[in-house]
Structures are given as C-alpha cells and as structure tokens.
Amino acid sequence: MPAAYSADLKRLIYDWYVEDITMTYRKAAARAKVSIGLVAKIMKNMDEFGVVVNPNKRRTGRALDYDEGDLAYLTEWLQCHPTAYLDEAREALCEAREVE
C-alpha cells in the first residue's frame, strides 16, 4: 500500500482545480502524479465536508493503549529525561498509572 498523501498536497490539488477553468481531474492528477481517483476523492470531500480529508474516517489498526493524559505525562517526562530508553519511559508511565 502506498504512503498516504499529505493534506497540503491534497489542498494544492484542490486549489489548482478551482483556480484553473481548463483544469480537469486528469490534468490535475498528471500534474501532481497521483491517480484520478484521488483527485475525485479530494473534490468529493471538499463538497461534502469542506476539507480535503474525510474527518469521519477512522484509523485502522490496533487501538491505542494510552489516552491524552498518558501522552501529556510521557511528553513532560521525556523533556526531563531526553536520553532515556523506551523501557524506562514505559516503567515510569506504569508507575504513574499504578499498573503492573
């Protein structure tokens, strides 16, 4: 599966299409070196949601085991311990959450 295209690139493709009256999906796709389907999806998302990416799309894969509080704790902890190893960060988080 190819890497995801950035929202900036998608916005640029949309801007090209809107600003140039002669621009077609095919021309926009060729210019950005993406598929015509991606250009169509960008335009559909702009029509439906007003943004180039679908805000309702769910991430695939395993659910995260941490929440926003854990992320804030780890961010602060890593700023205080910039040379720490991953296992040390995990142990610190487990101690803070009182988890074994």
PDB file of N, CA and C in Angstrom:
ATOM      1  N   MET A   1       0.844  -1.173   0.000  1.00  0.00           N
ATOM      2  CA  MET A   1       0.000   0.000   0.000  1.00  0.00           C
ATOM      3  C   MET A   1       0.894   1.243   0.000  1.00  0.00           C
ATOM      4  N   PRO A   2       0.640   2.203  -0.876  1.00  0.00           N
ATOM      5  CA  PRO A   2       1.482   3.397  -0.925  1.00  0.00           C
ATOM      6  C   PRO A   2       1.264   4.277   0.303  1.00  0.00           C
ATOM      7  N   ALA A   3       2.248   5.117   0.554  1.00  0.00           N
ATOM      8  CA  ALA A   3       2.144   6.044   1.682  1.00  0.00           C
ATOM      9  C   ALA A   3       1.003   7.030   1.447  1.00  0.00           C
ATOM     10  N   ALA A   4       0.435   7.514   2.522  1.00  0.00           N
ATOM     11  CA  ALA A   4      -0.661   8.481   2.423  1.00  0.00           C
ATOM     12  C   ALA A   4      -0.129   9.815   1.914  1.00  0.00           C
ATOM     13  N   TYR A   5      -0.937  10.494   1.131  1.00  0.00           N
ATOM     14  CA  TYR A   5      -0.568  11.814   0.643  1.00  0.00           C
ATOM     15  C   TYR A   5      -0.910  12.852   1.705  1.00  0.00           C
ATOM     16  N   SER A   6      -0.096  13.875   1.804  1.00  0.00           N
ATOM     17  CA  SER A   6      -0.295  14.893   2.835  1.00  0.00           C
ATOM     18  C   SER A   6      -1.522  15.749   2.528  1.00  0.00           C
ATOM     19  N   ALA A   7      -2.066  16.322   3.577  1.00  0.00           N
ATOM     20  CA  ALA A   7      -3.209  17.227   3.418  1.00  0.00           C
ATOM     21  C   ALA A   7      -2.797  18.461   2.619  1.00  0.00           C
ATOM     22  N   ASP A   8      -1.532  18.864   2.746  1.00  0.00           N
ATOM     23  CA  ASP A   8      -1.046  20.024   1.981  1.00  0.00           C
ATOM     24  C   ASP A   8      -1.087  19.750   0.486  1.00  0.00           C
ATOM     25  N   LEU A   9      -0.647  18.552   0.086  1.00  0.00           N
ATOM     26  CA  LEU A   9      -0.687  18.197  -1.335  1.00  0.00           C
ATOM     27  C   LEU A   9      -2.131  18.141  -1.825  1.00  0.00           C
ATOM     28  N   LYS A  10      -3.001  17.557  -1.026  1.00  0.00           N
ATOM     29  CA  LYS A  10      -4.409  17.469  -1.413  1.00  0.00           C
ATOM     30  C   LYS A  10      -5.018  18.862  -1.557  1.00  0.00           C
ATOM     31  N   ARG A  11      -4.669  19.760  -0.653  1.00  0.00           N
ATOM     32  CA  ARG A  11      -5.184  21.129  -0.739  1.00  0.00           C
ATOM     33  C   ARG A  11      -4.645  21.829  -1.989  1.00  0.00           C
ATOM     34  N   LEU A  12      -3.384  21.571  -2.323  1.00  0.00           N
ATOM     35  CA  LEU A  12      -2.783  22.157  -3.512  1.00  0.00           C
ATOM     36  C   LEU A  12      -3.486  21.666  -4.774  1.00  0.00           C
ATOM     37  N   ILE A  13      -3.785  20.375  -4.824  1.00  0.00           N
ATOM     38  CA  ILE A  13      -4.513  19.814  -5.965  1.00  0.00           C
ATOM     39  C   ILE A  13      -5.878  20.479  -6.082  1.00  0.00           C
ATOM     40  N   TYR A  14      -6.563  20.640  -4.972  1.00  0.00           N
ATOM     41  CA  TYR A  14      -7.871  21.299  -4.981  1.00  0.00           C
ATOM     42  C   TYR A  14      -7.746  22.735  -5.491  1.00  0.00           C
ATOM     43  N   ASP A  15      -6.750  23.452  -4.994  1.00  0.00           N
ATOM     44  CA  ASP A  15      -6.552  24.845  -5.428  1.00  0.00           C
ATOM     45  C   ASP A  15      -6.275  24.932  -6.926  1.00  0.00           C
ATOM     46  N   TRP A  16      -5.443  24.020  -7.450  1.00  0.00           N
ATOM     47  CA  TRP A  16      -5.187  24.003  -8.896  1.00  0.00           C
ATOM     48  C   TRP A  16      -6.488  23.853  -9.660  1.00  0.00           C
ATOM     49  N   TYR A  17      -7.302  22.917  -9.224  1.00  0.00           N
ATOM     50  CA  TYR A  17      -8.541  22.610  -9.928  1.00  0.00           C
ATOM     51  C   TYR A  17      -9.507  23.798  -9.896  1.00  0.00           C
ATOM     52  N   VAL A  18      -9.603  24.452  -8.752  1.00  0.00           N
ATOM     53  CA  VAL A  18     -10.546  25.563  -8.598  1.00  0.00           C
ATOM     54  C   VAL A  18     -10.072  26.811  -9.347  1.00  0.00           C
ATOM     55  N   GLU A  19      -8.780  27.090  -9.313  1.00  0.00           N
ATOM     56  CA  GLU A  19      -8.256  28.322  -9.908  1.00  0.00           C
ATOM     57  C   GLU A  19      -8.176  28.279 -11.430  1.00  0.00           C
ATOM     58  N   ASP A  20      -7.965  27.108 -12.010  1.00  0.00           N
ATOM     59  CA  ASP A  20      -7.793  26.991 -13.461  1.00  0.00           C
ATOM     60  C   ASP A  20      -9.066  26.420 -14.080  1.00  0.00           C
ATOM     61  N   ILE A  21      -9.736  27.223 -14.896  1.00  0.00           N
ATOM     62  CA  ILE A  21     -11.000  26.801 -15.515  1.00  0.00           C
ATOM     63  C   ILE A  21     -10.801  25.604 -16.437  1.00  0.00           C
ATOM     64  N   THR A  22      -9.636  25.518 -17.079  1.00  0.00           N
ATOM     65  CA  THR A  22      -9.391  24.424 -18.025  1.00  0.00           C
ATOM     66  C   THR A  22      -8.881  23.156 -17.349  1.00  0.00           C
ATOM     67  N   MET A  23      -8.665  23.201 -16.032  1.00  0.00           N
ATOM     68  CA  MET A  23      -8.121  22.043 -15.322  1.00  0.00           C
ATOM     69  C   MET A  23      -9.179  20.947 -15.208  1.00  0.00           C
ATOM     70  N   THR A  24      -8.795  19.739 -15.595  1.00  0.00           N
ATOM     71  CA  THR A  24      -9.660  18.572 -15.449  1.00  0.00           C
ATOM     72  C   THR A  24      -9.070  17.670 -14.369  1.00  0.00           C
ATOM     73  N   TYR A  25      -9.845  16.673 -13.944  1.00  0.00           N
ATOM     74  CA  TYR A  25      -9.320  15.711 -12.981  1.00  0.00           C
ATOM     75  C   TYR A  25      -8.065  15.052 -13.543  1.00  0.00           C
ATOM     76  N   ARG A  26      -8.098  14.720 -14.817  1.00  0.00           N
ATOM     77  CA  ARG A  26      -6.973  14.040 -15.459  1.00  0.00           C
ATOM     78  C   ARG A  26      -5.721  14.924 -15.449  1.00  0.00           C
ATOM     79  N   LYS A  27      -5.879  16.215 -15.763  1.00  0.00           N
ATOM     80  CA  LYS A  27      -4.740  17.141 -15.775  1.00  0.00           C
ATOM     81  C   LYS A  27      -4.191  17.352 -14.359  1.00  0.00           C
ATOM     82  N   ALA A  28      -5.086  17.501 -13.400  1.00  0.00           N
ATOM     83  CA  ALA A  28      -4.646  17.693 -12.011  1.00  0.00           C
ATOM     84  C   ALA A  28      -3.900  16.460 -11.510  1.00  0.00           C
ATOM     85  N   ALA A  29      -4.403  15.276 -11.869  1.00  0.00           N
ATOM     86  CA  ALA A  29      -3.747  14.036 -11.465  1.00  0.00           C
ATOM     87  C   ALA A  29      -2.369  13.916 -12.103  1.00  0.00           C
ATOM     88  N   ALA A  30      -2.269  14.259 -13.379  1.00  0.00           N
ATOM     89  CA  ALA A  30      -0.981  14.184 -14.067  1.00  0.00           C
ATOM     90  C   ALA A  30       0.007  15.189 -13.479  1.00  0.00           C
ATOM     91  N   ARG A  31      -0.460  16.373 -13.181  1.00  0.00           N
ATOM     92  CA  ARG A  31       0.410  17.419 -12.634  1.00  0.00           C
ATOM     93  C   ARG A  31       0.967  17.030 -11.266  1.00  0.00           C
ATOM     94  N   ALA A  32       0.129  16.422 -10.430  1.00  0.00           N
ATOM     95  CA  ALA A  32       0.551  16.029  -9.084  1.00  0.00           C
ATOM     96  C   ALA A  32       1.108  14.612  -9.029  1.00  0.00           C
ATOM     97  N   LYS A  33       1.030  13.886 -10.154  1.00  0.00           N
ATOM     98  CA  LYS A  33       1.490  12.493 -10.228  1.00  0.00           C
ATOM     99  C   LYS A  33       0.753  11.607  -9.223  1.00  0.00           C
ATOM    100  N   VAL A  34      -0.567  11.752  -9.218  1.00  0.00           N
ATOM    101  CA  VAL A  34      -1.444  10.928  -8.384  1.00  0.00           C
ATOM    102  C   VAL A  34      -2.526  10.338  -9.280  1.00  0.00           C
ATOM    103  N   SER A  35      -3.364   9.496  -8.721  1.00  0.00           N
ATOM    104  CA  SER A  35      -4.429   8.882  -9.509  1.00  0.00           C
ATOM    105  C   SER A  35      -5.608   9.839  -9.686  1.00  0.00           C
ATOM    106  N   ILE A  36      -6.373   9.581 -10.730  1.00  0.00           N
ATOM    107  CA  ILE A  36      -7.584  10.374 -10.970  1.00  0.00           C
ATOM    108  C   ILE A  36      -8.581  10.137  -9.835  1.00  0.00           C
ATOM    109  N   GLY A  37      -8.593   8.924  -9.316  1.00  0.00           N
ATOM    110  CA  GLY A  37      -9.480   8.603  -8.197  1.00  0.00           C
ATOM    111  C   GLY A  37      -9.194   9.445  -6.964  1.00  0.00           C
ATOM    112  N   LEU A  38      -7.907   9.713  -6.707  1.00  0.00           N
ATOM    113  CA  LEU A  38      -7.564  10.559  -5.560  1.00  0.00           C
ATOM    114  C   LEU A  38      -8.087  11.975  -5.770  1.00  0.00           C
ATOM    115  N   VAL A  39      -7.938  12.487  -6.977  1.00  0.00           N
ATOM    116  CA  VAL A  39      -8.447  13.834  -7.271  1.00  0.00           C
ATOM    117  C   VAL A  39      -9.961  13.861  -7.072  1.00  0.00           C
ATOM    118  N   ALA A  40     -10.646  12.833  -7.550  1.00  0.00           N
ATOM    119  CA  ALA A  40     -12.100  12.763  -7.382  1.00  0.00           C
ATOM    120  C   ALA A  40     -12.474  12.707  -5.902  1.00  0.00           C
ATOM    121  N   LYS A  41     -11.710  11.945  -5.115  1.00  0.00           N
ATOM    122  CA  LYS A  41     -11.986  11.835  -3.679  1.00  0.00           C
ATOM    123  C   LYS A  41     -11.765  13.178  -2.976  1.00  0.00           C
ATOM    124  N   ILE A  42     -10.732  13.909  -3.385  1.00  0.00           N
ATOM    125  CA  ILE A  42     -10.468  15.227  -2.808  1.00  0.00           C
ATOM    126  C   ILE A  42     -11.649  16.160  -3.071  1.00  0.00           C
ATOM    127  N   MET A  43     -12.122  16.157  -4.317  1.00  0.00           N
ATOM    128  CA  MET A  43     -13.240  17.039  -4.673  1.00  0.00           C
ATOM    129  C   MET A  43     -14.513  16.638  -3.925  1.00  0.00           C
ATOM    130  N   LYS A  44     -14.736  15.340  -3.779  1.00  0.00           N
ATOM    131  CA  LYS A  44     -15.911  14.844  -3.053  1.00  0.00           C
ATOM    132  C   LYS A  44     -15.848  15.276  -1.588  1.00  0.00           C
ATOM    133  N   ASN A  45     -14.672  15.135  -0.963  1.00  0.00           N
ATOM    134  CA  ASN A  45     -14.516  15.545   0.430  1.00  0.00           C
ATOM    135  C   ASN A  45     -14.740  17.044   0.603  1.00  0.00           C
ATOM    136  N   MET A  46     -14.262  17.836  -0.353  1.00  0.00           N
ATOM    137  CA  MET A  46     -14.481  19.285  -0.275  1.00  0.00           C
ATOM    138  C   MET A  46     -15.967  19.617  -0.403  1.00  0.00           C
ATOM    139  N   ASP A  47     -16.668  18.916  -1.280  1.00  0.00           N
ATOM    140  CA  ASP A  47     -18.104  19.162  -1.446  1.00  0.00           C
ATOM    141  C   ASP A  47     -18.888  18.764  -0.200  1.00  0.00           C
ATOM    142  N   GLU A  48     -18.557  17.600   0.365  1.00  0.00           N
ATOM    143  CA  GLU A  48     -19.325  17.077   1.497  1.00  0.00           C
ATOM    144  C   GLU A  48     -18.939  17.697   2.840  1.00  0.00           C
ATOM    145  N   PHE A  49     -17.629  17.881   3.070  1.00  0.00           N
ATOM    146  CA  PHE A  49     -17.158  18.279   4.395  1.00  0.00           C
ATOM    147  C   PHE A  49     -16.483  19.644   4.444  1.00  0.00           C
ATOM    148  N   GLY A  50     -16.098  20.184   3.288  1.00  0.00           N
ATOM    149  CA  GLY A  50     -15.401  21.464   3.267  1.00  0.00           C
ATOM    150  C   GLY A  50     -13.920  21.367   3.567  1.00  0.00           C
ATOM    151  N   VAL A  51     -13.398  20.160   3.658  1.00  0.00           N
ATOM    152  CA  VAL A  51     -11.962  19.919   3.858  1.00  0.00           C
ATOM    153  C   VAL A  51     -11.519  18.827   2.899  1.00  0.00           C
ATOM    154  N   VAL A  52     -10.203  18.742   2.644  1.00  0.00           N
ATOM    155  CA  VAL A  52      -9.715  17.788   1.647  1.00  0.00           C
ATOM    156  C   VAL A  52      -9.610  16.362   2.172  1.00  0.00           C
ATOM    157  N   VAL A  53      -9.669  16.188   3.481  1.00  0.00           N
ATOM    158  CA  VAL A  53      -9.637  14.845   4.057  1.00  0.00           C
ATOM    159  C   VAL A  53     -10.966  14.580   4.755  1.00  0.00           C
ATOM    160  N   ASN A  54     -11.393  13.346   4.744  1.00  0.00           N
ATOM    161  CA  ASN A  54     -12.656  12.971   5.373  1.00  0.00           C
ATOM    162  C   ASN A  54     -12.487  12.999   6.893  1.00  0.00           C
ATOM    163  N   PRO A  55     -13.166  13.895   7.602  1.00  0.00           N
ATOM    164  CA  PRO A  55     -12.996  13.977   9.050  1.00  0.00           C
ATOM    165  C   PRO A  55     -13.617  12.793   9.797  1.00  0.00           C
ATOM    166  N   ASN A  56     -14.465  12.037   9.137  1.00  0.00           N
ATOM    167  CA  ASN A  56     -15.123  10.902   9.784  1.00  0.00           C
ATOM    168  C   ASN A  56     -14.382   9.590   9.583  1.00  0.00           C
ATOM    169  N   LYS A  57     -13.311   9.609   8.814  1.00  0.00           N
ATOM    170  CA  LYS A  57     -12.576   8.380   8.533  1.00  0.00           C
ATOM    171  C   LYS A  57     -11.873   7.905   9.796  1.00  0.00           C
ATOM    172  N   ARG A  58     -12.008   6.639  10.087  1.00  0.00           N
ATOM    173  CA  ARG A  58     -11.398   6.056  11.274  1.00  0.00           C
ATOM    174  C   ARG A  58     -10.038   5.475  10.924  1.00  0.00           C
ATOM    175  N   ARG A  59      -9.114   5.581  11.851  1.00  0.00           N
ATOM    176  CA  ARG A  59      -7.803   4.967  11.654  1.00  0.00           C
ATOM    177  C   ARG A  59      -7.945   3.458  11.734  1.00  0.00           C
ATOM    178  N   THR A  60      -7.154   2.776  10.940  1.00  0.00           N
ATOM    179  CA  THR A  60      -7.164   1.325  11.002  1.00  0.00           C
ATOM    180  C   THR A  60      -6.047   0.859  11.916  1.00  0.00           C
ATOM    181  N   GLY A  61      -6.116  -0.390  12.293  1.00  0.00           N
ATOM    182  CA  GLY A  61      -5.066  -0.948  13.130  1.00  0.00           C
ATOM    183  C   GLY A  61      -5.501  -1.084  14.571  1.00  0.00           C
ATOM    184  N   ARG A  62      -4.544  -1.382  15.378  1.00  0.00           N
ATOM    185  CA  ARG A  62      -4.788  -1.632  16.784  1.00  0.00           C
ATOM    186  C   ARG A  62      -5.165  -0.340  17.509  1.00  0.00           C
ATOM    187  N   ALA A  63      -6.093  -0.442  18.427  1.00  0.00           N
ATOM    188  CA  ALA A  63      -6.500   0.714  19.226  1.00  0.00           C
ATOM    189  C   ALA A  63      -5.364   1.110  20.168  1.00  0.00           C
ATOM    190  N   LEU A  64      -5.267   2.385  20.465  1.00  0.00           N
ATOM    191  CA  LEU A  64      -4.215   2.870  21.340  1.00  0.00           C
ATOM    192  C   LEU A  64      -4.471   2.429  22.777  1.00  0.00           C
ATOM    193  N   ASP A  65      -3.389   2.114  23.484  1.00  0.00           N
ATOM    194  CA  ASP A  65      -3.486   1.693  24.874  1.00  0.00           C
ATOM    195  C   ASP A  65      -3.323   2.857  25.844  1.00  0.00           C
ATOM    196  N   TYR A  66      -3.133   4.057  25.321  1.00  0.00           N
ATOM    197  CA  TYR A  66      -2.943   5.216  26.179  1.00  0.00           C
ATOM    198  C   TYR A  66      -3.931   6.307  25.806  1.00  0.00           C
ATOM    199  N   ASP A  67      -4.142   7.233  26.742  1.00  0.00           N
ATOM    200  CA  ASP A  67      -5.071   8.335  26.485  1.00  0.00           C
ATOM    201  C   ASP A  67      -4.306   9.659  26.472  1.00  0.00           C
ATOM    202  N   GLU A  68      -5.021  10.755  26.389  1.00  0.00           N
ATOM    203  CA  GLU A  68      -4.385  12.071  26.311  1.00  0.00           C
ATOM    204  C   GLU A  68      -3.565  12.385  27.565  1.00  0.00           C
ATOM    205  N   GLY A  69      -4.048  11.954  28.717  1.00  0.00           N
ATOM    206  CA  GLY A  69      -3.304  12.186  29.956  1.00  0.00           C
ATOM    207  C   GLY A  69      -1.972  11.460  29.958  1.00  0.00           C
ATOM    208  N   ASP A  70      -1.983  10.217  29.461  1.00  0.00           N
ATOM    209  CA  ASP A  70      -0.744   9.449  29.367  1.00  0.00           C
ATOM    210  C   ASP A  70       0.234  10.116  28.411  1.00  0.00           C
ATOM    211  N   LEU A  71      -0.280  10.603  27.300  1.00  0.00           N
ATOM    212  CA  LEU A  71       0.569  11.264  26.311  1.00  0.00           C
ATOM    213  C   LEU A  71       1.180  12.542  26.889  1.00  0.00           C
ATOM    214  N   ALA A  72       0.390  13.297  27.629  1.00  0.00           N
ATOM    215  CA  ALA A  72       0.906  14.517  28.264  1.00  0.00           C
ATOM    216  C   ALA A  72       1.978  14.171  29.293  1.00  0.00           C
ATOM    217  N   TYR A  73       1.728  13.114  30.081  1.00  0.00           N
ATOM    218  CA  TYR A  73       2.713  12.684  31.078  1.00  0.00           C
ATOM    219  C   TYR A  73       4.014  12.273  30.404  1.00  0.00           C
ATOM    220  N   LEU A  74       3.921  11.454  29.356  1.00  0.00           N
ATOM    221  CA  LEU A  74       5.123  10.999  28.658  1.00  0.00           C
ATOM    222  C   LEU A  74       5.880  12.154  28.010  1.00  0.00           C
ATOM    223  N   THR A  75       5.163  13.100  27.446  1.00  0.00           N
ATOM    224  CA  THR A  75       5.812  14.258  26.824  1.00  0.00           C
ATOM    225  C   THR A  75       6.620  15.034  27.855  1.00  0.00           C
ATOM    226  N   GLU A  76       6.013  15.293  28.997  1.00  0.00           N
ATOM    227  CA  GLU A  76       6.708  16.023  30.053  1.00  0.00           C
ATOM    228  C   GLU A  76       7.872  15.207  30.610  1.00  0.00           C
ATOM    229  N   TRP A  77       7.650  13.906  30.801  1.00  0.00           N
ATOM    230  CA  TRP A  77       8.697  13.038  31.338  1.00  0.00           C
ATOM    231  C   TRP A  77       9.887  12.977  30.391  1.00  0.00           C
ATOM    232  N   LEU A  78       9.625  12.880  29.090  1.00  0.00           N
ATOM    233  CA  LEU A  78      10.713  12.804  28.114  1.00  0.00           C
ATOM    234  C   LEU A  78      11.472  14.122  28.001  1.00  0.00           C
ATOM    235  N   GLN A  79      10.815  15.238  28.272  1.00  0.00           N
ATOM    236  CA  GLN A  79      11.529  16.516  28.282  1.00  0.00           C
ATOM    237  C   GLN A  79      12.503  16.576  29.456  1.00  0.00           C
ATOM    238  N   CYS A  80      12.136  15.950  30.561  1.00  0.00           N
ATOM    239  CA  CYS A  80      13.020  15.905  31.731  1.00  0.00           C
ATOM    240  C   CYS A  80      14.096  14.833  31.596  1.00  0.00           C
ATOM    241  N   HIS A  81      13.835  13.797  30.799  1.00  0.00           N
ATOM    242  CA  HIS A  81      14.763  12.673  30.611  1.00  0.00           C
ATOM    243  C   HIS A  81      14.985  12.430  29.116  1.00  0.00           C
ATOM    244  N   PRO A  82      15.662  13.347  28.428  1.00  0.00           N
ATOM    245  CA  PRO A  82      15.775  13.237  26.963  1.00  0.00           C
ATOM    246  C   PRO A  82      16.609  12.056  26.474  1.00  0.00           C
ATOM    247  N   THR A  83      17.453  11.487  27.323  1.00  0.00           N
ATOM    248  CA  THR A  83      18.298  10.373  26.880  1.00  0.00           C
ATOM    249  C   THR A  83      17.786   9.024  27.373  1.00  0.00           C
ATOM    250  N   ALA A  84      16.571   8.995  27.888  1.00  0.00           N
ATOM    251  CA  ALA A  84      16.007   7.762  28.440  1.00  0.00           C
ATOM    252  C   ALA A  84      15.665   6.768  27.339  1.00  0.00           C
ATOM    253  N   TYR A  85      15.675   5.515  27.700  1.00  0.00           N
ATOM    254  CA  TYR A  85      15.288   4.449  26.786  1.00  0.00           C
ATOM    255  C   TYR A  85      13.781   4.218  26.865  1.00  0.00           C
ATOM    256  N   LEU A  86      13.255   3.540  25.863  1.00  0.00           N
ATOM    257  CA  LEU A  86      11.819   3.295  25.790  1.00  0.00           C
ATOM    258  C   LEU A  86      11.318   2.508  26.997  1.00  0.00           C
ATOM    259  N   ASP A  87      12.082   1.499  27.424  1.00  0.00           N
ATOM    260  CA  ASP A  87      11.632   0.703  28.565  1.00  0.00           C
ATOM    261  C   ASP A  87      11.576   1.540  29.844  1.00  0.00           C
ATOM    262  N   GLU A  88      12.459   2.520  29.988  1.00  0.00           N
ATOM    263  CA  GLU A  88      12.414   3.406  31.155  1.00  0.00           C
ATOM    264  C   GLU A  88      11.169   4.286  31.118  1.00  0.00           C
ATOM    265  N   ALA A  89      10.817   4.770  29.943  1.00  0.00           N
ATOM    266  CA  ALA A  89       9.605   5.583  29.802  1.00  0.00           C
ATOM    267  C   ALA A  89       8.370   4.747  30.115  1.00  0.00           C
ATOM    268  N   ARG A  90       8.365   3.505  29.634  1.00  0.00           N
ATOM    269  CA  ARG A  90       7.233   2.619  29.900  1.00  0.00           C
ATOM    270  C   ARG A  90       7.099   2.350  31.394  1.00  0.00           C
ATOM    271  N   GLU A  91       8.228   2.081  32.064  1.00  0.00           N
ATOM    272  CA  GLU A  91       8.195   1.827  33.505  1.00  0.00           C
ATOM    273  C   GLU A  91       7.692   3.049  34.277  1.00  0.00           C
ATOM    274  N   ALA A  92       8.140   4.236  33.871  1.00  0.00           N
ATOM    275  CA  ALA A  92       7.695   5.464  34.546  1.00  0.00           C
ATOM    276  C   ALA A  92       6.194   5.658  34.374  1.00  0.00           C
ATOM    277  N   LEU A  93       5.690   5.393  33.173  1.00  0.00           N
ATOM    278  CA  LEU A  93       4.251   5.535  32.932  1.00  0.00           C
ATOM    279  C   LEU A  93       3.467   4.503  33.732  1.00  0.00           C
ATOM    280  N   CYS A  94       3.965   3.279  33.776  1.00  0.00           N
ATOM    281  CA  CYS A  94       3.273   2.233  34.552  1.00  0.00           C
ATOM    282  C   CYS A  94       3.235   2.580  36.035  1.00  0.00           C
ATOM    283  N   GLU A  95       4.335   3.135  36.553  1.00  0.00           N
ATOM    284  CA  GLU A  95       4.354   3.550  37.961  1.00  0.00           C
ATOM    285  C   GLU A  95       3.364   4.688  38.202  1.00  0.00           C
ATOM    286  N   ALA A  96       3.302   5.631  37.281  1.00  0.00           N
ATOM    287  CA  ALA A  96       2.388   6.765  37.433  1.00  0.00           C
ATOM    288  C   ALA A  96       0.930   6.316  37.359  1.00  0.00           C
ATOM    289  N   ARG A  97       0.653   5.333  36.512  1.00  0.00           N
ATOM    290  CA  ARG A  97      -0.716   4.829  36.368  1.00  0.00           C
ATOM    291  C   ARG A  97      -1.035   3.744  37.383  1.00  0.00           C
ATOM    292  N   GLU A  98      -0.022   3.312  38.132  1.00  0.00           N
ATOM    293  CA  GLU A  98      -0.150   2.218  39.098  1.00  0.00           C
ATOM    294  C   GLU A  98      -0.622   0.943  38.421  1.00  0.00           C
ATOM    295  N   VAL A  99       0.079   0.604  37.333  1.00  0.00           N
ATOM    296  CA  VAL A  99      -0.212  -0.602  36.558  1.00  0.00           C
ATOM    297  C   VAL A  99       1.009  -1.493  36.603  1.00  0.00           C
ATOM    298  N   GLU A 100       0.797  -2.793  36.655  1.00  0.00           N
ATOM    299  CA  GLU A 100       1.925  -3.728  36.655  1.00  0.00           C
ATOM    300  C   GLU A 100       2.232  -4.191  35.270  1.00  0.00           C
TER     301      GLU A 100
END
